[in-house]
Amino acid sequence: MWQMLQKFALSLCAVLAIWLIFITITLLNASSSPVDGFFVLGGSITREIYVAQQAKQSPETPILISRGSPDPCIWLIFQREVAPIQNVWLENCADSTFENFYYGIPILRRLGVHKVMLITSQTHLPRAKWLGQILLGANGIWVEPVIVEEKGIPGNQESWLKTGADVTRSIFWAGLSQFIQPECSSVTRLPEVNMQDWQQRGFRCERQGNLGR
């Protein structure tokens, strides 16, 4: 029995070592490549304004906005910036920073992203950066954080307790995410946002967006 356990442990260590080598090589290759995806963490409309401006310079690069501003507000931002919307996806399942990555990873993988620009704000660090490096890194995606300046009261409030809890569960999920790919039931492409319907229902946008809504 003991010998069987030893063989199992050695086999598991060998598999883990091979996986770590593979991921390391993948990340090193990705680190020297151009950014091929934008990942916006919701919490401030200024982040969405920033990515809309980036979209004008990189119209073919896919954009994933995780639990950002209301869909029509994002649509209005891209229209005002005269930015392309064909490659913009809105994910509205996440209710936390951890879930931004939980639901975002499968989408980024389907989009074939290997090096992502992670767009957030100073008030969201270091938690967002650490979670991105752990969770996206475990899936072979290199993370390049970009800090967007914001005014007023941000949507993200940080504490070391929250950071520690999120980092701990991210380490566990980094392994599980190799086998489990959760599906968000509320993913919308920006061109599919029904502005007429939203106009009838009514909506409000964050004041910093200066959208008059």
N, C-alpha and C. Protein backbone atom coordinates (compact mmCIF):
# COMPACT_ATOMS: atom_id res chain seq x y z
N MET A 1 0.84 -1.20 0.00
CA MET A 1 0.00 0.00 0.00
C MET A 1 0.88 1.26 0.00
N TRP A 2 1.88 1.25 0.86
CA TRP A 2 2.77 2.40 0.97
C TRP A 2 3.52 2.65 -0.33
N GLN A 3 3.96 1.53 -0.97
CA GLN A 3 4.67 1.67 -2.25
C GLN A 3 3.76 2.24 -3.33
N MET A 4 2.51 1.84 -3.31
CA MET A 4 1.54 2.36 -4.29
C MET A 4 1.35 3.87 -4.10
N LEU A 5 1.26 4.27 -2.84
CA LEU A 5 1.10 5.70 -2.54
C LEU A 5 2.33 6.48 -2.99
N GLN A 6 3.51 5.90 -2.79
CA GLN A 6 4.74 6.56 -3.21
C GLN A 6 4.79 6.72 -4.73
N LYS A 7 4.39 5.67 -5.44
CA LYS A 7 4.38 5.73 -6.90
C LYS A 7 3.38 6.76 -7.40
N PHE A 8 2.22 6.80 -6.73
CA PHE A 8 1.20 7.79 -7.11
C PHE A 8 1.71 9.20 -6.89
N ALA A 9 2.35 9.42 -5.73
CA ALA A 9 2.88 10.74 -5.41
C ALA A 9 3.96 11.16 -6.41
N LEU A 10 4.82 10.22 -6.76
CA LEU A 10 5.89 10.52 -7.73
C LEU A 10 5.31 10.82 -9.11
N SER A 11 4.30 10.06 -9.49
CA SER A 11 3.65 10.29 -10.79
C SER A 11 2.97 11.65 -10.81
N LEU A 12 2.32 12.00 -9.70
CA LEU A 12 1.65 13.30 -9.61
C LEU A 12 2.66 14.43 -9.68
N CYS A 13 3.79 14.28 -8.99
CA CYS A 13 4.84 15.30 -9.03
C CYS A 13 5.42 15.44 -10.43
N ALA A 14 5.57 14.32 -11.13
CA ALA A 14 6.11 14.36 -12.49
C ALA A 14 5.15 15.10 -13.42
N VAL A 15 3.86 14.80 -13.30
CA VAL A 15 2.85 15.48 -14.13
C VAL A 15 2.84 16.97 -13.82
N LEU A 16 2.90 17.33 -12.54
CA LEU A 16 2.91 18.73 -12.13
C LEU A 16 4.14 19.45 -12.67
N ALA A 17 5.28 18.79 -12.62
CA ALA A 17 6.53 19.39 -13.12
C ALA A 17 6.45 19.64 -14.62
N ILE A 18 5.91 18.66 -15.35
CA ILE A 18 5.77 18.82 -16.80
C ILE A 18 4.82 19.97 -17.12
N TRP A 19 3.71 20.05 -16.36
CA TRP A 19 2.75 21.13 -16.57
C TRP A 19 3.37 22.49 -16.30
N LEU A 20 4.14 22.59 -15.20
CA LEU A 20 4.78 23.86 -14.85
C LEU A 20 5.79 24.28 -15.92
N ILE A 21 6.54 23.32 -16.45
CA ILE A 21 7.50 23.63 -17.51
C ILE A 21 6.77 24.13 -18.76
N PHE A 22 5.68 23.44 -19.10
CA PHE A 22 4.89 23.83 -20.28
C PHE A 22 4.32 25.24 -20.12
N ILE A 23 3.74 25.51 -18.95
CA ILE A 23 3.15 26.83 -18.70
C ILE A 23 4.22 27.91 -18.72
N THR A 24 5.37 27.63 -18.14
CA THR A 24 6.47 28.61 -18.11
C THR A 24 6.93 28.95 -19.52
N ILE A 25 7.11 27.93 -20.35
CA ILE A 25 7.53 28.17 -21.74
C ILE A 25 6.46 28.97 -22.49
N THR A 26 5.20 28.60 -22.27
CA THR A 26 4.09 29.30 -22.93
C THR A 26 4.06 30.77 -22.54
N LEU A 27 4.23 31.05 -21.24
CA LEU A 27 4.18 32.43 -20.76
C LEU A 27 5.38 33.23 -21.26
N LEU A 28 6.55 32.62 -21.30
CA LEU A 28 7.73 33.32 -21.79
C LEU A 28 7.56 33.70 -23.27
N ASN A 29 6.98 32.79 -24.04
CA ASN A 29 6.72 33.10 -25.45
C ASN A 29 5.69 34.21 -25.59
N ALA A 30 4.66 34.14 -24.76
CA ALA A 30 3.59 35.15 -24.82
C ALA A 30 4.09 36.52 -24.38
N SER A 31 5.02 36.55 -23.41
CA SER A 31 5.49 37.82 -22.87
C SER A 31 6.19 38.68 -23.91
N SER A 32 6.79 38.04 -24.90
CA SER A 32 7.51 38.79 -25.94
C SER A 32 6.64 39.06 -27.17
N SER A 33 5.38 38.67 -27.11
CA SER A 33 4.46 38.87 -28.23
C SER A 33 3.64 40.14 -28.01
N PRO A 34 3.01 40.67 -29.06
CA PRO A 34 2.15 41.83 -28.90
C PRO A 34 0.88 41.46 -28.11
N VAL A 35 0.28 42.44 -27.47
CA VAL A 35 -1.00 42.23 -26.78
C VAL A 35 -2.04 41.81 -27.80
N ASP A 36 -2.76 40.70 -27.51
CA ASP A 36 -3.79 40.26 -28.46
C ASP A 36 -5.16 40.16 -27.80
N GLY A 37 -5.32 40.88 -26.67
CA GLY A 37 -6.62 40.92 -26.02
C GLY A 37 -6.66 42.00 -24.94
N PHE A 38 -7.81 42.64 -24.79
CA PHE A 38 -8.03 43.62 -23.72
C PHE A 38 -9.05 43.02 -22.75
N PHE A 39 -8.75 43.09 -21.45
CA PHE A 39 -9.64 42.57 -20.42
C PHE A 39 -9.90 43.68 -19.41
N VAL A 40 -11.14 44.17 -19.40
CA VAL A 40 -11.50 45.29 -18.53
C VAL A 40 -12.25 44.77 -17.32
N LEU A 41 -11.76 45.09 -16.12
CA LEU A 41 -12.45 44.74 -14.89
C LEU A 41 -13.40 45.88 -14.52
N GLY A 42 -14.68 45.56 -14.34
CA GLY A 42 -15.66 46.59 -14.03
C GLY A 42 -15.40 47.27 -12.71
N GLY A 43 -15.92 48.47 -12.56
CA GLY A 43 -15.72 49.21 -11.32
C GLY A 43 -15.66 50.70 -11.54
N SER A 44 -15.36 51.13 -12.77
CA SER A 44 -15.29 52.56 -13.10
C SER A 44 -15.46 52.73 -14.60
N ILE A 45 -16.31 53.65 -14.99
CA ILE A 45 -16.58 53.87 -16.41
C ILE A 45 -15.35 54.41 -17.15
N THR A 46 -14.40 54.98 -16.39
CA THR A 46 -13.19 55.50 -17.04
C THR A 46 -12.38 54.37 -17.68
N ARG A 47 -12.49 53.17 -17.16
CA ARG A 47 -11.79 52.03 -17.74
C ARG A 47 -12.36 51.70 -19.12
N GLU A 48 -13.66 51.82 -19.25
CA GLU A 48 -14.30 51.53 -20.53
C GLU A 48 -14.02 52.63 -21.55
N ILE A 49 -13.90 53.85 -21.07
CA ILE A 49 -13.51 54.95 -21.96
C ILE A 49 -12.10 54.69 -22.49
N TYR A 50 -11.23 54.25 -21.60
CA TYR A 50 -9.84 53.97 -21.99
C TYR A 50 -9.77 52.88 -23.04
N VAL A 51 -10.51 51.79 -22.83
CA VAL A 51 -10.42 50.67 -23.78
C VAL A 51 -11.06 51.04 -25.12
N ALA A 52 -12.06 51.91 -25.10
CA ALA A 52 -12.64 52.37 -26.37
C ALA A 52 -11.60 53.14 -27.17
N GLN A 53 -10.79 53.93 -26.49
CA GLN A 53 -9.72 54.67 -27.17
C GLN A 53 -8.66 53.72 -27.71
N GLN A 54 -8.39 52.65 -26.95
CA GLN A 54 -7.44 51.65 -27.41
C GLN A 54 -7.97 50.91 -28.63
N ALA A 55 -9.28 50.70 -28.66
CA ALA A 55 -9.90 49.95 -29.76
C ALA A 55 -9.70 50.66 -31.10
N LYS A 56 -9.62 51.97 -31.07
CA LYS A 56 -9.41 52.72 -32.32
C LYS A 56 -8.03 52.44 -32.89
N GLN A 57 -7.07 52.18 -32.01
CA GLN A 57 -5.70 51.91 -32.46
C GLN A 57 -5.50 50.43 -32.81
N SER A 58 -6.33 49.55 -32.19
CA SER A 58 -6.20 48.10 -32.43
C SER A 58 -7.59 47.52 -32.71
N PRO A 59 -8.17 47.85 -33.85
CA PRO A 59 -9.56 47.45 -34.13
C PRO A 59 -9.79 45.95 -34.21
N GLU A 60 -8.74 45.17 -34.48
CA GLU A 60 -8.91 43.72 -34.61
C GLU A 60 -8.72 42.98 -33.28
N THR A 61 -8.28 43.69 -32.25
CA THR A 61 -8.00 43.04 -30.95
C THR A 61 -9.30 42.85 -30.17
N PRO A 62 -9.60 41.62 -29.73
CA PRO A 62 -10.83 41.39 -28.97
C PRO A 62 -10.80 42.07 -27.60
N ILE A 63 -11.97 42.52 -27.17
CA ILE A 63 -12.12 43.22 -25.89
C ILE A 63 -13.18 42.49 -25.07
N LEU A 64 -12.84 42.16 -23.84
CA LEU A 64 -13.79 41.57 -22.90
C LEU A 64 -13.96 42.52 -21.73
N ILE A 65 -15.18 42.97 -21.52
CA ILE A 65 -15.49 43.85 -20.39
C ILE A 65 -16.31 43.03 -19.39
N SER A 66 -15.74 42.82 -18.20
CA SER A 66 -16.37 41.96 -17.20
C SER A 66 -17.12 42.80 -16.17
N ARG A 67 -18.43 42.65 -16.19
CA ARG A 67 -19.33 43.32 -15.23
C ARG A 67 -19.01 44.81 -15.13
N GLY A 68 -19.03 45.45 -16.29
CA GLY A 68 -18.75 46.88 -16.33
C GLY A 68 -20.00 47.72 -16.16
N SER A 69 -20.02 48.87 -16.80
CA SER A 69 -21.18 49.76 -16.75
C SER A 69 -22.36 49.09 -17.47
N PRO A 70 -23.57 49.62 -17.33
CA PRO A 70 -24.70 49.07 -18.08
C PRO A 70 -24.39 49.01 -19.58
N ASP A 71 -24.88 47.98 -20.23
CA ASP A 71 -24.57 47.76 -21.64
C ASP A 71 -24.77 49.00 -22.52
N PRO A 72 -25.90 49.73 -22.37
CA PRO A 72 -26.10 50.90 -23.24
C PRO A 72 -25.08 52.01 -22.99
N CYS A 73 -24.57 52.11 -21.76
CA CYS A 73 -23.56 53.13 -21.46
C CYS A 73 -22.26 52.81 -22.21
N ILE A 74 -21.90 51.53 -22.23
CA ILE A 74 -20.70 51.13 -22.97
C ILE A 74 -20.89 51.37 -24.45
N TRP A 75 -22.09 51.07 -24.96
CA TRP A 75 -22.40 51.31 -26.38
C TRP A 75 -22.24 52.79 -26.71
N LEU A 76 -22.74 53.67 -25.83
CA LEU A 76 -22.64 55.11 -26.06
C LEU A 76 -21.19 55.59 -26.03
N ILE A 77 -20.39 55.01 -25.14
CA ILE A 77 -18.97 55.38 -25.07
C ILE A 77 -18.28 55.07 -26.39
N PHE A 78 -18.49 53.88 -26.92
CA PHE A 78 -17.83 53.49 -28.16
C PHE A 78 -18.33 54.33 -29.34
N GLN A 79 -19.61 54.69 -29.32
CA GLN A 79 -20.13 55.55 -30.37
C GLN A 79 -19.51 56.94 -30.29
N ARG A 80 -19.40 57.49 -29.11
CA ARG A 80 -18.81 58.82 -28.93
C ARG A 80 -17.35 58.84 -29.35
N GLU A 81 -16.63 57.75 -29.03
CA GLU A 81 -15.21 57.68 -29.37
C GLU A 81 -14.98 57.26 -30.83
N VAL A 82 -16.08 56.94 -31.53
CA VAL A 82 -16.01 56.44 -32.91
C VAL A 82 -15.05 55.24 -32.96
N ALA A 83 -15.28 54.32 -32.02
CA ALA A 83 -14.44 53.13 -31.88
C ALA A 83 -15.19 51.91 -32.43
N PRO A 84 -14.48 50.97 -33.02
CA PRO A 84 -15.12 49.76 -33.56
C PRO A 84 -15.71 48.91 -32.44
N ILE A 85 -16.85 48.30 -32.71
CA ILE A 85 -17.55 47.52 -31.68
C ILE A 85 -17.67 46.03 -32.01
N GLN A 86 -17.20 45.64 -33.18
CA GLN A 86 -17.41 44.26 -33.62
C GLN A 86 -16.73 43.22 -32.73
N ASN A 87 -15.61 43.59 -32.11
CA ASN A 87 -14.83 42.64 -31.32
C ASN A 87 -14.95 42.89 -29.82
N VAL A 88 -16.10 43.44 -29.39
CA VAL A 88 -16.29 43.75 -27.97
C VAL A 88 -17.34 42.81 -27.38
N TRP A 89 -16.96 42.14 -26.29
CA TRP A 89 -17.87 41.24 -25.57
C TRP A 89 -18.11 41.78 -24.17
N LEU A 90 -19.37 41.69 -23.71
CA LEU A 90 -19.76 42.15 -22.38
C LEU A 90 -20.19 40.94 -21.56
N GLU A 91 -19.48 40.71 -20.44
CA GLU A 91 -19.81 39.59 -19.55
C GLU A 91 -20.45 40.16 -18.30
N ASN A 92 -21.67 39.73 -17.99
CA ASN A 92 -22.41 40.30 -16.87
C ASN A 92 -22.79 39.28 -15.81
N CYS A 93 -21.96 38.26 -15.62
CA CYS A 93 -22.22 37.27 -14.58
C CYS A 93 -21.44 37.55 -13.30
N ALA A 94 -20.25 38.12 -13.43
CA ALA A 94 -19.35 38.29 -12.29
C ALA A 94 -19.91 39.27 -11.26
N ASP A 95 -19.75 38.92 -9.99
CA ASP A 95 -20.14 39.81 -8.88
C ASP A 95 -18.97 40.16 -7.98
N SER A 96 -17.75 39.78 -8.40
CA SER A 96 -16.56 40.05 -7.60
C SER A 96 -15.34 40.00 -8.51
N THR A 97 -14.21 40.44 -7.99
CA THR A 97 -12.97 40.38 -8.78
C THR A 97 -12.61 38.95 -9.11
N PHE A 98 -12.75 38.04 -8.14
CA PHE A 98 -12.46 36.64 -8.42
C PHE A 98 -13.33 36.13 -9.57
N GLU A 99 -14.61 36.49 -9.56
CA GLU A 99 -15.52 36.01 -10.60
C GLU A 99 -15.25 36.68 -11.95
N ASN A 100 -14.64 37.86 -11.94
CA ASN A 100 -14.20 38.46 -13.21
C ASN A 100 -13.32 37.47 -13.96
N PHE A 101 -12.39 36.86 -13.23
CA PHE A 101 -11.47 35.89 -13.84
C PHE A 101 -12.14 34.53 -14.01
N TYR A 102 -12.95 34.14 -13.04
CA TYR A 102 -13.66 32.86 -13.07
C TYR A 102 -14.44 32.71 -14.37
N TYR A 103 -15.21 33.75 -14.71
CA TYR A 103 -16.00 33.70 -15.94
C TYR A 103 -15.22 34.18 -17.17
N GLY A 104 -14.21 35.01 -16.92
CA GLY A 104 -13.47 35.59 -18.04
C GLY A 104 -12.51 34.65 -18.72
N ILE A 105 -11.89 33.75 -17.95
CA ILE A 105 -10.88 32.86 -18.52
C ILE A 105 -11.41 32.02 -19.68
N PRO A 106 -12.57 31.34 -19.55
CA PRO A 106 -13.06 30.55 -20.68
C PRO A 106 -13.32 31.39 -21.93
N ILE A 107 -13.78 32.63 -21.74
CA ILE A 107 -14.05 33.50 -22.89
C ILE A 107 -12.75 33.90 -23.57
N LEU A 108 -11.76 34.29 -22.77
CA LEU A 108 -10.46 34.68 -23.33
C LEU A 108 -9.81 33.51 -24.06
N ARG A 109 -9.96 32.32 -23.51
CA ARG A 109 -9.39 31.14 -24.16
C ARG A 109 -10.06 30.88 -25.50
N ARG A 110 -11.38 31.03 -25.54
CA ARG A 110 -12.10 30.83 -26.81
C ARG A 110 -11.69 31.86 -27.85
N LEU A 111 -11.35 33.05 -27.37
CA LEU A 111 -10.93 34.13 -28.28
C LEU A 111 -9.48 33.96 -28.72
N GLY A 112 -8.80 32.98 -28.15
CA GLY A 112 -7.42 32.72 -28.54
C GLY A 112 -6.42 33.73 -28.02
N VAL A 113 -6.72 34.33 -26.86
CA VAL A 113 -5.84 35.36 -26.29
C VAL A 113 -4.66 34.71 -25.57
N HIS A 114 -3.46 35.23 -25.81
CA HIS A 114 -2.24 34.74 -25.16
C HIS A 114 -1.54 35.81 -24.32
N LYS A 115 -1.78 37.08 -24.67
CA LYS A 115 -1.20 38.18 -23.89
C LYS A 115 -2.28 39.25 -23.76
N VAL A 116 -2.71 39.47 -22.53
CA VAL A 116 -3.85 40.35 -22.31
C VAL A 116 -3.43 41.64 -21.59
N MET A 117 -4.02 42.75 -22.02
CA MET A 117 -3.87 44.00 -21.30
C MET A 117 -4.99 44.04 -20.26
N LEU A 118 -4.62 43.95 -18.99
CA LEU A 118 -5.58 43.94 -17.89
C LEU A 118 -5.83 45.37 -17.44
N ILE A 119 -7.02 45.88 -17.69
CA ILE A 119 -7.32 47.28 -17.45
C ILE A 119 -8.11 47.44 -16.16
N THR A 120 -7.54 48.17 -15.21
CA THR A 120 -8.18 48.42 -13.93
C THR A 120 -7.71 49.78 -13.42
N SER A 121 -7.87 50.03 -12.12
CA SER A 121 -7.48 51.31 -11.53
C SER A 121 -6.58 51.09 -10.32
N GLN A 122 -5.92 52.14 -9.89
CA GLN A 122 -4.99 52.04 -8.76
C GLN A 122 -5.67 51.52 -7.51
N THR A 123 -6.94 51.88 -7.33
CA THR A 123 -7.68 51.47 -6.13
C THR A 123 -7.99 49.98 -6.13
N HIS A 124 -7.75 49.31 -7.24
CA HIS A 124 -8.08 47.89 -7.37
C HIS A 124 -6.84 47.01 -7.23
N LEU A 125 -5.71 47.62 -6.92
CA LEU A 125 -4.45 46.90 -6.79
C LEU A 125 -4.11 46.73 -5.31
N PRO A 126 -3.29 45.71 -4.97
CA PRO A 126 -2.62 44.74 -5.86
C PRO A 126 -3.46 43.51 -6.18
N ARG A 127 -4.70 43.46 -5.62
CA ARG A 127 -5.50 42.24 -5.74
C ARG A 127 -5.75 41.84 -7.19
N ALA A 128 -6.16 42.81 -8.03
CA ALA A 128 -6.47 42.49 -9.42
C ALA A 128 -5.24 41.95 -10.16
N LYS A 129 -4.09 42.55 -9.90
CA LYS A 129 -2.87 42.12 -10.56
C LYS A 129 -2.48 40.71 -10.13
N TRP A 130 -2.53 40.45 -8.83
CA TRP A 130 -2.13 39.13 -8.32
C TRP A 130 -3.08 38.04 -8.82
N LEU A 131 -4.38 38.31 -8.78
CA LEU A 131 -5.34 37.32 -9.26
C LEU A 131 -5.15 37.06 -10.75
N GLY A 132 -4.87 38.12 -11.50
CA GLY A 132 -4.63 37.96 -12.93
C GLY A 132 -3.40 37.12 -13.22
N GLN A 133 -2.33 37.39 -12.49
CA GLN A 133 -1.10 36.64 -12.71
C GLN A 133 -1.26 35.17 -12.32
N ILE A 134 -2.02 34.90 -11.26
CA ILE A 134 -2.22 33.51 -10.83
C ILE A 134 -3.16 32.78 -11.79
N LEU A 135 -4.35 33.34 -12.01
CA LEU A 135 -5.38 32.63 -12.75
C LEU A 135 -5.15 32.64 -14.26
N LEU A 136 -4.84 33.80 -14.81
CA LEU A 136 -4.57 33.85 -16.24
C LEU A 136 -3.24 33.17 -16.55
N GLY A 137 -2.25 33.37 -15.68
CA GLY A 137 -0.95 32.74 -15.89
C GLY A 137 -1.05 31.23 -15.90
N ALA A 138 -1.88 30.66 -15.02
CA ALA A 138 -2.06 29.21 -14.98
C ALA A 138 -2.69 28.68 -16.26
N ASN A 139 -3.32 29.57 -17.01
CA ASN A 139 -3.95 29.18 -18.28
C ASN A 139 -3.14 29.65 -19.48
N GLY A 140 -1.87 29.96 -19.23
CA GLY A 140 -0.97 30.31 -20.32
C GLY A 140 -1.17 31.68 -20.91
N ILE A 141 -1.81 32.59 -20.16
CA ILE A 141 -2.06 33.95 -20.65
C ILE A 141 -1.20 34.94 -19.87
N TRP A 142 -0.33 35.64 -20.57
CA TRP A 142 0.53 36.64 -19.94
C TRP A 142 -0.28 37.90 -19.64
N VAL A 143 -0.05 38.49 -18.47
CA VAL A 143 -0.82 39.65 -18.02
C VAL A 143 0.03 40.91 -18.04
N GLU A 144 -0.50 41.95 -18.68
CA GLU A 144 0.15 43.25 -18.69
C GLU A 144 -0.83 44.27 -18.09
N PRO A 145 -0.71 44.56 -16.77
CA PRO A 145 -1.66 45.46 -16.13
C PRO A 145 -1.50 46.91 -16.62
N VAL A 146 -2.62 47.58 -16.78
CA VAL A 146 -2.63 49.00 -17.14
C VAL A 146 -3.53 49.71 -16.13
N ILE A 147 -3.00 50.76 -15.53
CA ILE A 147 -3.73 51.50 -14.50
C ILE A 147 -4.38 52.74 -15.12
N VAL A 148 -5.69 52.84 -14.97
CA VAL A 148 -6.43 53.99 -15.51
C VAL A 148 -6.79 54.91 -14.36
N GLU A 149 -6.48 56.17 -14.50
CA GLU A 149 -6.77 57.15 -13.44
C GLU A 149 -8.27 57.37 -13.36
N GLU A 150 -8.78 57.47 -12.15
CA GLU A 150 -10.21 57.71 -11.97
C GLU A 150 -10.43 58.78 -10.90
N LYS A 151 -11.63 59.34 -10.92
CA LYS A 151 -12.00 60.38 -9.96
C LYS A 151 -13.21 59.90 -9.17
N GLY A 152 -13.46 60.56 -8.04
CA GLY A 152 -14.62 60.20 -7.25
C GLY A 152 -14.40 58.93 -6.46
N ILE A 153 -15.49 58.27 -6.10
CA ILE A 153 -15.45 57.06 -5.28
C ILE A 153 -15.48 55.86 -6.21
N PRO A 154 -14.43 55.03 -6.21
CA PRO A 154 -14.38 53.88 -7.11
C PRO A 154 -15.32 52.76 -6.67
N GLY A 155 -15.62 51.88 -7.62
CA GLY A 155 -16.48 50.75 -7.30
C GLY A 155 -15.76 49.66 -6.53
N ASN A 156 -14.44 49.67 -6.54
CA ASN A 156 -13.64 48.64 -5.86
C ASN A 156 -13.08 49.17 -4.55
N GLN A 157 -13.37 48.49 -3.46
CA GLN A 157 -12.82 48.86 -2.16
C GLN A 157 -11.94 47.71 -1.68
N GLU A 158 -10.67 48.01 -1.39
CA GLU A 158 -9.70 46.97 -1.08
C GLU A 158 -9.45 46.84 0.42
N SER A 159 -9.10 45.61 0.82
CA SER A 159 -8.65 45.34 2.18
C SER A 159 -7.72 44.13 2.10
N TRP A 160 -6.78 44.02 3.05
CA TRP A 160 -5.84 42.90 3.02
C TRP A 160 -6.56 41.58 3.28
N LEU A 161 -7.67 41.62 4.05
CA LEU A 161 -8.44 40.40 4.30
C LEU A 161 -9.05 39.89 2.99
N LYS A 162 -9.65 40.81 2.24
CA LYS A 162 -10.26 40.44 0.96
C LYS A 162 -9.20 39.95 -0.02
N THR A 163 -8.06 40.64 -0.04
CA THR A 163 -6.98 40.25 -0.94
C THR A 163 -6.46 38.86 -0.60
N GLY A 164 -6.24 38.60 0.69
CA GLY A 164 -5.73 37.30 1.12
C GLY A 164 -6.70 36.17 0.78
N ALA A 165 -8.00 36.41 1.00
CA ALA A 165 -9.00 35.38 0.71
C ALA A 165 -9.05 35.09 -0.78
N ASP A 166 -9.00 36.14 -1.60
CA ASP A 166 -9.09 35.95 -3.05
C ASP A 166 -7.84 35.27 -3.62
N VAL A 167 -6.67 35.64 -3.10
CA VAL A 167 -5.43 35.01 -3.56
C VAL A 167 -5.43 33.53 -3.21
N THR A 168 -5.90 33.20 -1.99
CA THR A 168 -5.93 31.80 -1.55
C THR A 168 -6.82 30.95 -2.44
N ARG A 169 -8.04 31.40 -2.70
CA ARG A 169 -8.92 30.58 -3.53
C ARG A 169 -8.50 30.59 -4.99
N SER A 170 -7.78 31.64 -5.40
CA SER A 170 -7.28 31.67 -6.78
C SER A 170 -6.21 30.60 -7.00
N ILE A 171 -5.39 30.35 -5.99
CA ILE A 171 -4.37 29.31 -6.10
C ILE A 171 -5.02 27.95 -6.32
N PHE A 172 -6.11 27.69 -5.59
CA PHE A 172 -6.82 26.42 -5.76
C PHE A 172 -7.50 26.37 -7.13
N TRP A 173 -8.14 27.48 -7.52
CA TRP A 173 -8.86 27.49 -8.80
C TRP A 173 -7.91 27.43 -9.99
N ALA A 174 -6.69 27.88 -9.83
CA ALA A 174 -5.71 27.82 -10.92
C ALA A 174 -5.56 26.40 -11.43
N GLY A 175 -5.59 25.43 -10.50
CA GLY A 175 -5.50 24.03 -10.90
C GLY A 175 -6.81 23.51 -11.46
N LEU A 176 -7.91 23.83 -10.78
CA LEU A 176 -9.22 23.34 -11.23
C LEU A 176 -9.62 23.90 -12.58
N SER A 177 -9.17 25.12 -12.87
CA SER A 177 -9.56 25.76 -14.13
C SER A 177 -8.97 25.06 -15.35
N GLN A 178 -8.03 24.15 -15.12
CA GLN A 178 -7.49 23.37 -16.23
C GLN A 178 -8.52 22.36 -16.74
N PHE A 179 -9.48 22.03 -15.87
CA PHE A 179 -10.47 21.00 -16.22
C PHE A 179 -11.91 21.53 -16.23
N ILE A 180 -12.16 22.61 -15.49
CA ILE A 180 -13.51 23.15 -15.39
C ILE A 180 -13.57 24.51 -16.05
N GLN A 181 -14.47 24.66 -17.00
CA GLN A 181 -14.62 25.92 -17.71
C GLN A 181 -16.05 26.44 -17.52
N PRO A 182 -16.29 27.26 -16.50
CA PRO A 182 -17.65 27.74 -16.23
C PRO A 182 -18.18 28.62 -17.36
N GLU A 183 -19.46 28.49 -17.64
CA GLU A 183 -20.09 29.27 -18.70
C GLU A 183 -20.94 30.38 -18.10
N CYS A 184 -20.73 31.59 -18.56
CA CYS A 184 -21.57 32.72 -18.16
C CYS A 184 -22.80 32.73 -19.06
N SER A 185 -23.98 32.83 -18.46
CA SER A 185 -25.22 32.81 -19.23
C SER A 185 -25.61 34.20 -19.74
N SER A 186 -24.78 35.20 -19.42
CA SER A 186 -25.09 36.57 -19.83
C SER A 186 -23.87 37.21 -20.48
N VAL A 187 -23.57 36.77 -21.70
CA VAL A 187 -22.48 37.35 -22.50
C VAL A 187 -23.11 37.94 -23.75
N THR A 188 -22.84 39.22 -24.01
CA THR A 188 -23.43 39.93 -25.14
C THR A 188 -22.34 40.60 -25.96
N ARG A 189 -22.43 40.46 -27.28
CA ARG A 189 -21.54 41.24 -28.14
C ARG A 189 -22.10 42.65 -28.22
N LEU A 190 -21.21 43.64 -28.18
CA LEU A 190 -21.65 45.04 -28.14
C LEU A 190 -22.58 45.41 -29.30
N PRO A 191 -22.34 44.90 -30.53
CA PRO A 191 -23.26 45.25 -31.63
C PRO A 191 -24.69 44.74 -31.41
N GLU A 192 -24.85 43.77 -30.49
CA GLU A 192 -26.16 43.19 -30.27
C GLU A 192 -26.96 43.91 -29.18
N VAL A 193 -26.38 44.94 -28.57
CA VAL A 193 -27.10 45.69 -27.53
C VAL A 193 -28.27 46.43 -28.19
N ASN A 194 -29.46 46.18 -27.66
CA ASN A 194 -30.68 46.76 -28.21
C ASN A 194 -30.92 48.13 -27.58
N MET A 195 -30.43 49.17 -28.24
CA MET A 195 -30.53 50.51 -27.67
C MET A 195 -31.98 51.00 -27.61
N GLN A 196 -32.80 50.61 -28.57
CA GLN A 196 -34.21 51.03 -28.55
C GLN A 196 -34.92 50.49 -27.32
N ASP A 197 -34.65 49.22 -27.03
CA ASP A 197 -35.25 48.60 -25.85
C ASP A 197 -34.75 49.28 -24.58
N TRP A 198 -33.45 49.57 -24.51
CA TRP A 198 -32.89 50.23 -23.34
C TRP A 198 -33.46 51.65 -23.18
N GLN A 199 -33.68 52.34 -24.27
CA GLN A 199 -34.25 53.69 -24.20
C GLN A 199 -35.64 53.64 -23.58
N GLN A 200 -36.39 52.62 -23.93
CA GLN A 200 -37.75 52.49 -23.39
C GLN A 200 -37.73 52.11 -21.92
N ARG A 201 -36.78 51.26 -21.55
CA ARG A 201 -36.69 50.81 -20.16
C ARG A 201 -36.07 51.86 -19.26
N GLY A 202 -35.19 52.68 -19.83
CA GLY A 202 -34.48 53.69 -19.05
C GLY A 202 -33.20 53.14 -18.44
N PHE A 203 -32.19 53.97 -18.37
CA PHE A 203 -30.92 53.56 -17.76
C PHE A 203 -30.15 54.80 -17.35
N ARG A 204 -29.20 54.60 -16.45
CA ARG A 204 -28.35 55.70 -15.99
C ARG A 204 -26.90 55.29 -16.10
N CYS A 205 -26.06 56.25 -16.46
CA CYS A 205 -24.63 55.99 -16.60
C CYS A 205 -23.85 56.76 -15.53
N GLU A 206 -22.68 56.25 -15.20
CA GLU A 206 -21.83 56.91 -14.22
C GLU A 206 -21.49 58.33 -14.68
N ARG A 207 -21.55 59.27 -13.75
CA ARG A 207 -21.38 60.68 -14.09
C ARG A 207 -20.04 60.97 -14.72
N GLN A 208 -19.00 60.22 -14.35
CA GLN A 208 -17.68 60.46 -14.92
C GLN A 208 -17.65 60.24 -16.43
N GLY A 209 -18.62 59.50 -16.94
CA GLY A 209 -18.63 59.22 -18.37
C GLY A 209 -19.06 60.39 -19.21
N ASN A 210 -19.70 61.40 -18.59
CA ASN A 210 -20.20 62.59 -19.30
C ASN A 210 -21.04 62.21 -20.52
N LEU A 211 -21.96 61.27 -20.28
CA LEU A 211 -22.81 60.79 -21.37
C LEU A 211 -24.21 61.40 -21.33
N GLY A 212 -24.46 62.20 -20.31
CA GLY A 212 -25.77 62.87 -20.22
C GLY A 212 -26.90 61.92 -19.87
N ARG A 213 -26.58 60.80 -19.23
CA ARG A 213 -27.60 59.83 -18.87
C ARG A 213 -27.57 59.59 -17.35
